[in-house]
Amino acid sequence: MTKLRLRVLDNEGKPVGNASVYVRFYQEGGTFIHHHEQLAELDLKSNQDGTVKVPPIPQGKILIQVIATGWHTFGKWYDVEKAEQTIEIKLDPPPHWY
């Protein structure tokens, strides 16, 4: 298991509060005969200082997606192999449409 702490920042390094953060990870599932992994999801929000504390989840491949008003949507797979880890996520400004 791993304890993740996420920091959601803008492109200048300032915290982004109230961002929707989705953490997807594989967990053991299925029946006795059909052992396979299932993709589980946690829906979280960043607080005013841009941090998100993720409840303990299995180590391995983890998808982190962030949606915040006024910022480009972020999504990336991470390989998490530590018992505790902090991941900084920098959001880009949205593309300009003319």
Protein backbone atom coordinates (compact mmCIF):
# COMPACT_ATOMS: atom_id res chain seq x y z
CA MET A 1 0.00 0.00 0.00
CA THR A 2 1.03 3.61 -0.51
CA LYS A 3 0.01 6.94 0.97
CA LEU A 4 -0.06 9.64 -1.69
CA ARG A 5 -0.08 13.37 -1.20
CA LEU A 6 -0.78 15.44 -4.30
CA ARG A 7 -0.04 19.13 -4.79
CA VAL A 8 -1.98 20.85 -7.55
CA LEU A 9 -0.19 23.99 -8.76
CA ASP A 10 -0.58 26.47 -11.60
CA ASN A 11 2.22 27.12 -14.09
CA GLU A 12 3.71 29.74 -11.72
CA GLY A 13 3.80 27.37 -8.74
CA LYS A 14 0.76 28.81 -6.93
CA PRO A 15 -1.75 26.37 -5.38
CA VAL A 16 -4.98 25.58 -7.24
CA GLY A 17 -7.86 25.01 -4.82
CA ASN A 18 -11.15 23.20 -5.45
CA ALA A 19 -9.76 21.17 -8.37
CA SER A 20 -11.42 17.82 -9.09
CA VAL A 21 -8.83 15.06 -8.73
CA TYR A 22 -9.48 11.53 -9.97
CA VAL A 23 -7.14 8.74 -8.91
CA ARG A 24 -7.53 5.43 -10.75
CA PHE A 25 -5.65 2.30 -9.71
CA TYR A 26 -5.77 -1.46 -10.13
CA GLN A 27 -7.00 -3.60 -7.27
CA GLU A 28 -7.47 -7.34 -6.95
CA GLY A 29 -10.96 -8.47 -7.81
CA GLY A 30 -13.05 -11.14 -9.39
CA THR A 31 -14.20 -14.52 -8.20
CA PHE A 32 -12.24 -17.51 -6.99
CA ILE A 33 -12.00 -18.89 -10.53
CA HIS A 34 -11.46 -15.60 -12.39
CA HIS A 35 -8.69 -13.69 -10.63
CA HIS A 36 -8.20 -10.39 -12.41
CA GLU A 37 -7.55 -6.80 -11.54
CA GLN A 38 -10.26 -4.17 -11.56
CA LEU A 39 -9.78 -0.46 -12.14
CA ALA A 40 -10.98 1.42 -9.06
CA GLU A 41 -11.45 5.19 -8.81
CA LEU A 42 -11.33 7.81 -6.06
CA ASP A 43 -12.94 11.22 -6.63
CA LEU A 44 -11.26 13.91 -4.51
CA LYS A 45 -10.96 17.73 -4.30
CA SER A 46 -7.91 19.86 -3.66
CA ASN A 47 -8.10 22.16 -0.65
CA GLN A 48 -7.26 25.89 -0.69
CA ASP A 49 -3.50 25.24 -0.53
CA GLY A 50 -3.76 22.83 -3.48
CA THR A 51 -3.13 19.62 -1.54
CA VAL A 52 -5.00 16.32 -1.73
CA LYS A 53 -4.47 13.46 0.72
CA VAL A 54 -5.24 10.15 -0.96
CA PRO A 55 -6.33 7.25 1.29
CA PRO A 56 -3.96 4.24 1.20
CA ILE A 57 -4.08 2.51 -2.18
CA PRO A 58 -2.09 -0.38 -3.73
CA GLN A 59 1.33 0.41 -5.16
CA GLY A 60 1.81 0.13 -8.91
CA LYS A 61 0.42 1.98 -11.92
CA ILE A 62 -1.82 4.89 -10.92
CA LEU A 63 -3.65 7.31 -13.21
CA ILE A 64 -4.07 10.85 -11.88
CA GLN A 65 -6.44 13.23 -13.65
CA VAL A 66 -7.11 16.84 -12.61
CA ILE A 67 -9.90 19.12 -13.82
CA ALA A 68 -9.95 22.74 -12.64
CA THR A 69 -11.94 25.71 -13.92
CA GLY A 70 -9.75 27.94 -16.07
CA TRP A 71 -6.98 25.33 -16.54
CA HIS A 72 -6.12 22.70 -19.13
CA THR A 73 -7.18 19.19 -18.06
CA PHE A 74 -4.28 17.07 -16.77
CA GLY A 75 -3.86 13.30 -16.95
CA LYS A 76 -0.83 11.06 -16.46
CA TRP A 77 0.05 7.51 -15.40
CA TYR A 78 2.56 7.15 -12.55
CA ASP A 79 4.50 4.14 -11.28
CA VAL A 80 4.26 4.35 -7.49
CA GLU A 81 6.61 2.01 -5.62
CA LYS A 82 7.13 3.84 -2.30
CA ALA A 83 5.16 3.59 0.96
CA GLU A 84 4.71 7.39 1.00
CA GLN A 85 5.06 9.77 -1.91
CA THR A 86 4.28 13.38 -2.81
CA ILE A 87 3.48 14.20 -6.44
CA GLU A 88 3.38 17.77 -7.74
CA ILE A 89 1.02 18.42 -10.63
CA LYS A 90 1.44 21.63 -12.63
CA LEU A 91 -1.55 22.76 -14.64
CA ASP A 92 -1.17 24.60 -17.92
CA PRO A 93 -3.37 27.53 -18.99
CA PRO A 94 -6.08 26.60 -21.49
CA PRO A 95 -5.37 26.95 -25.21
CA HIS A 96 -6.50 30.22 -26.76
CA TRP A 97 -9.24 29.97 -29.38
CA TYR A 98 -9.54 32.78 -31.85
